[in-house]
Amino acid sequence: MRAAVMALRERGVAACAVGPCRVGAPDTCAEFLHEVDELVCTLTPSDFKGRSGNSIRTFSQTTDAEVRELVARAAEERP
Protein backbone atom coordinates (compact mmCIF):
# COMPACT_ATOMS: atom_id res chain seq x y z
CA MET A 1 0.00 0.00 0.00
CA ARG A 2 2.84 2.35 0.84
CA ALA A 3 4.40 1.75 -2.60
CA ALA A 4 1.08 2.54 -4.28
CA VAL A 5 0.79 5.79 -2.33
CA MET A 6 4.35 6.74 -3.27
CA ALA A 7 3.67 6.00 -6.94
CA LEU A 8 0.54 8.12 -6.91
CA ARG A 9 2.36 10.99 -5.21
CA GLU A 10 5.12 10.81 -7.84
CA ARG A 11 2.45 11.16 -10.52
CA GLY A 12 1.22 14.33 -8.83
CA VAL A 13 -2.21 13.29 -7.58
CA ALA A 14 -4.09 16.10 -5.87
CA ALA A 15 -5.23 13.94 -2.96
CA CYS A 16 -4.71 10.38 -1.80
CA ALA A 17 -7.09 8.38 0.38
CA VAL A 18 -6.54 4.85 1.71
CA GLY A 19 -9.33 2.55 2.76
CA PRO A 20 -11.58 1.26 3.84
CA CYS A 21 -9.31 -1.21 5.59
CA ARG A 22 -10.86 -3.79 7.87
CA VAL A 23 -8.06 -3.81 10.42
CA GLY A 24 -4.60 -2.34 10.85
CA ALA A 25 -1.83 -1.99 13.36
CA PRO A 26 -2.28 1.22 15.36
CA ASP A 27 1.29 2.40 14.70
CA THR A 28 1.05 1.69 10.97
CA CYS A 29 -2.23 3.59 10.71
CA ALA A 30 -0.70 6.52 12.61
CA GLU A 31 2.25 6.57 10.17
CA PHE A 32 -0.06 6.50 7.16
CA LEU A 33 -1.89 9.57 8.43
CA HIS A 34 1.30 11.51 7.58
CA GLU A 35 1.49 10.04 4.06
CA VAL A 36 -2.11 10.31 2.84
CA ASP A 37 -4.88 12.86 2.96
CA GLU A 38 -7.44 10.44 4.37
CA LEU A 39 -7.27 7.03 6.01
CA VAL A 40 -10.26 4.85 6.83
CA CYS A 41 -9.47 1.86 9.03
CA THR A 42 -12.31 0.15 10.88
CA LEU A 43 -10.29 -1.56 13.63
CA THR A 44 -6.93 -0.73 15.20
CA PRO A 45 -6.66 -3.27 18.04
CA SER A 46 -3.92 -2.61 20.58
CA ASP A 47 -3.08 -6.34 20.62
CA PHE A 48 -2.63 -6.52 16.83
CA LYS A 49 -0.41 -9.53 16.11
CA GLY A 50 0.91 -8.48 12.72
CA ARG A 51 -1.59 -10.33 10.54
CA SER A 52 -4.96 -8.85 9.69
CA GLY A 53 -6.42 -12.34 9.26
CA ASN A 54 -5.89 -12.99 12.98
CA SER A 55 -8.03 -9.99 13.93
CA ILE A 56 -11.24 -10.75 12.05
CA ARG A 57 -13.53 -13.78 11.89
CA THR A 58 -13.88 -14.01 8.14
CA PHE A 59 -11.16 -13.08 5.73
CA SER A 60 -12.49 -13.63 2.24
CA GLN A 61 -10.65 -12.27 -0.77
CA THR A 62 -12.17 -9.55 -2.89
CA THR A 63 -12.43 -10.60 -6.52
CA ASP A 64 -11.16 -8.48 -9.39
CA ALA A 65 -14.74 -8.11 -10.62
CA GLU A 66 -15.84 -6.76 -7.22
CA VAL A 67 -12.99 -4.24 -7.22
CA ARG A 68 -13.86 -3.08 -10.75
CA GLU A 69 -17.51 -2.70 -9.77
CA LEU A 70 -16.67 -0.69 -6.64
CA VAL A 71 -14.27 1.58 -8.54
CA ALA A 72 -16.84 2.17 -11.28
CA ARG A 73 -19.54 2.93 -8.71
CA ALA A 74 -17.26 5.35 -6.87
CA ALA A 75 -16.42 7.11 -10.15
CA GLU A 76 -20.13 7.56 -10.89
CA GLU A 77 -20.76 9.06 -7.45
CA ARG A 78 -18.01 11.67 -7.78
CA PRO A 79 -19.13 15.12 -8.90
C-alpha atoms as a PDB file:
ATOM      1  CA  MET A   1       0.000   0.000   0.000  1.00  0.00           C
ATOM      2  CA  ARG A   2       2.836   2.351   0.841  1.00  0.00           C
ATOM      3  CA  ALA A   3       4.401   1.749  -2.595  1.00  0.00           C
ATOM      4  CA  ALA A   4       1.085   2.540  -4.280  1.00  0.00           C
ATOM      5  CA  VAL A   5       0.788   5.788  -2.332  1.00  0.00           C
ATOM      6  CA  MET A   6       4.345   6.743  -3.269  1.00  0.00           C
ATOM      7  CA  ALA A   7       3.675   5.996  -6.942  1.00  0.00           C
ATOM      8  CA  LEU A   8       0.542   8.118  -6.909  1.00  0.00           C
ATOM      9  CA  ARG A   9       2.355  10.993  -5.209  1.00  0.00           C
ATOM     10  CA  GLU A  10       5.122  10.811  -7.838  1.00  0.00           C
ATOM     11  CA  ARG A  11       2.445  11.158 -10.516  1.00  0.00           C
ATOM     12  CA  GLY A  12       1.223  14.332  -8.831  1.00  0.00           C
ATOM     13  CA  VAL A  13      -2.208  13.285  -7.580  1.00  0.00           C
ATOM     14  CA  ALA A  14      -4.088  16.097  -5.871  1.00  0.00           C
ATOM     15  CA  ALA A  15      -5.230  13.939  -2.955  1.00  0.00           C
ATOM     16  CA  CYS A  16      -4.709  10.376  -1.803  1.00  0.00           C
ATOM     17  CA  ALA A  17      -7.092   8.375   0.377  1.00  0.00           C
ATOM     18  CA  VAL A  18      -6.539   4.849   1.708  1.00  0.00           C
ATOM     19  CA  GLY A  19      -9.334   2.554   2.762  1.00  0.00           C
ATOM     20  CA  PRO A  20     -11.577   1.264   3.838  1.00  0.00           C
ATOM     21  CA  CYS A  21      -9.309  -1.210   5.590  1.00  0.00           C
ATOM     22  CA  ARG A  22     -10.864  -3.794   7.874  1.00  0.00           C
ATOM     23  CA  VAL A  23      -8.058  -3.813  10.416  1.00  0.00           C
ATOM     24  CA  GLY A  24      -4.604  -2.337  10.850  1.00  0.00           C
ATOM     25  CA  ALA A  25      -1.827  -1.993  13.364  1.00  0.00           C
ATOM     26  CA  PRO A  26      -2.279   1.219  15.359  1.00  0.00           C
ATOM     27  CA  ASP A  27       1.286   2.399  14.703  1.00  0.00           C
ATOM     28  CA  THR A  28       1.050   1.692  10.968  1.00  0.00           C
ATOM     29  CA  CYS A  29      -2.228   3.593  10.706  1.00  0.00           C
ATOM     30  CA  ALA A  30      -0.705   6.518  12.606  1.00  0.00           C
ATOM     31  CA  GLU A  31       2.253   6.568  10.173  1.00  0.00           C
ATOM     32  CA  PHE A  32      -0.061   6.500   7.163  1.00  0.00           C
ATOM     33  CA  LEU A  33      -1.890   9.573   8.432  1.00  0.00           C
ATOM     34  CA  HIS A  34       1.299  11.512   7.578  1.00  0.00           C
ATOM     35  CA  GLU A  35       1.491  10.043   4.062  1.00  0.00           C
ATOM     36  CA  VAL A  36      -2.108  10.308   2.844  1.00  0.00           C
ATOM     37  CA  ASP A  37      -4.878  12.863   2.960  1.00  0.00           C
ATOM     38  CA  GLU A  38      -7.436  10.444   4.371  1.00  0.00           C
ATOM     39  CA  LEU A  39      -7.266   7.030   6.010  1.00  0.00           C
ATOM     40  CA  VAL A  40     -10.261   4.855   6.830  1.00  0.00           C
ATOM     41  CA  CYS A  41      -9.466   1.858   9.028  1.00  0.00           C
ATOM     42  CA  THR A  42     -12.306   0.149  10.883  1.00  0.00           C
ATOM     43  CA  LEU A  43     -10.290  -1.565  13.628  1.00  0.00           C
ATOM     44  CA  THR A  44      -6.927  -0.734  15.203  1.00  0.00           C
ATOM     45  CA  PRO A  45      -6.662  -3.274  18.039  1.00  0.00           C
ATOM     46  CA  SER A  46      -3.921  -2.606  20.583  1.00  0.00           C
ATOM     47  CA  ASP A  47      -3.079  -6.338  20.619  1.00  0.00           C
ATOM     48  CA  PHE A  48      -2.632  -6.515  16.835  1.00  0.00           C
ATOM     49  CA  LYS A  49      -0.410  -9.531  16.110  1.00  0.00           C
ATOM     50  CA  GLY A  50       0.914  -8.476  12.720  1.00  0.00           C
ATOM     51  CA  ARG A  51      -1.594 -10.326  10.545  1.00  0.00           C
ATOM     52  CA  SER A  52      -4.962  -8.854   9.687  1.00  0.00           C
ATOM     53  CA  GLY A  53      -6.419 -12.344   9.261  1.00  0.00           C
ATOM     54  CA  ASN A  54      -5.893 -12.987  12.980  1.00  0.00           C
ATOM     55  CA  SER A  55      -8.032  -9.986  13.931  1.00  0.00           C
ATOM     56  CA  ILE A  56     -11.239 -10.751  12.053  1.00  0.00           C
ATOM     57  CA  ARG A  57     -13.526 -13.781  11.888  1.00  0.00           C
ATOM     58  CA  THR A  58     -13.884 -14.012   8.136  1.00  0.00           C
ATOM     59  CA  PHE A  59     -11.159 -13.083   5.728  1.00  0.00           C
ATOM     60  CA  SER A  60     -12.487 -13.634   2.235  1.00  0.00           C
ATOM     61  CA  GLN A  61     -10.645 -12.275  -0.766  1.00  0.00           C
ATOM     62  CA  THR A  62     -12.174  -9.552  -2.892  1.00  0.00           C
ATOM     63  CA  THR A  63     -12.434 -10.603  -6.521  1.00  0.00           C
ATOM     64  CA  ASP A  64     -11.159  -8.485  -9.390  1.00  0.00           C
ATOM     65  CA  ALA A  65     -14.743  -8.112 -10.616  1.00  0.00           C
ATOM     66  CA  GLU A  66     -15.843  -6.763  -7.219  1.00  0.00           C
ATOM     67  CA  VAL A  67     -12.995  -4.243  -7.221  1.00  0.00           C
ATOM     68  CA  ARG A  68     -13.857  -3.078 -10.750  1.00  0.00           C
ATOM     69  CA  GLU A  69     -17.514  -2.696  -9.767  1.00  0.00           C
ATOM     70  CA  LEU A  70     -16.669  -0.689  -6.639  1.00  0.00           C
ATOM     71  CA  VAL A  71     -14.265   1.585  -8.539  1.00  0.00           C
ATOM     72  CA  ALA A  72     -16.844   2.169 -11.277  1.00  0.00           C
ATOM     73  CA  ARG A  73     -19.543   2.934  -8.707  1.00  0.00           C
ATOM     74  CA  ALA A  74     -17.259   5.354  -6.869  1.00  0.00           C
ATOM     75  CA  ALA A  75     -16.421   7.109 -10.148  1.00  0.00           C
ATOM     76  CA  GLU A  76     -20.132   7.563 -10.890  1.00  0.00           C
ATOM     77  CA  GLU A  77     -20.760   9.059  -7.455  1.00  0.00           C
ATOM     78  CA  ARG A  78     -18.005  11.674  -7.779  1.00  0.00           C
ATOM     79  CA  PRO A  79     -19.135  15.122  -8.904  1.00  0.00           C
END
